[in-house]
């Protein structure tokens, strides 16, 4: 092989090697470009997810704060309603005790007629009670209809009831004192208030 032929072969090999190198570089560039595009997509998706998660976390935090604030307001509202109830029921009990004799008599008569089970119970009254006396009990006995014995008696035993009475027959007691009646009414109202709190 002469010098010229050797040079041609060398040039051909170098040209082929250069072309191969260019091809490899082009493939590497394409691969790098594809990887960069994929990486850019991944970064964009990551940013979207991060933004979404950040927004969700912020929304959750806001919702939590709002829920907590609503609960605090509801508790304050309930406390204020309870304070008002305290005043209302204290006044109600005072007004019941201060009823004129005729209205007091009508109220106790109605309560007694509703509470009597047999008609031979003992009626226990407040230690300061003056209006529910033996004559009053006689009138109640006359008003008891058929099926009742009409033998109510005023007990010598007195209690600190604040108004109203307790019916006693053997070991069975029916408490119709004003304090108990008002406490029951209050309990019913507080159940309604509790519903408002958790609504």
Foldseek 3Di string as FASTA:
>chain_A
DDPVVVVVVVVVVVVVVVVVVVVVVVVVVVVVVVVVVVVVVVVVVVVVVVVVVVVVVVVVVVVVVVVVVLLVVLVVVLVVVVVVLVVVLVVVLVCLLVDPLVVVLVVLLVVCLVPDDAQQWEKEEAPPDDSPDQVSLQVSLVVRDPRHPSNYHYDPDYHHQSAHIWTDDPHDIDDPGSVVVSVVVVVVVSVVSVVVSVD
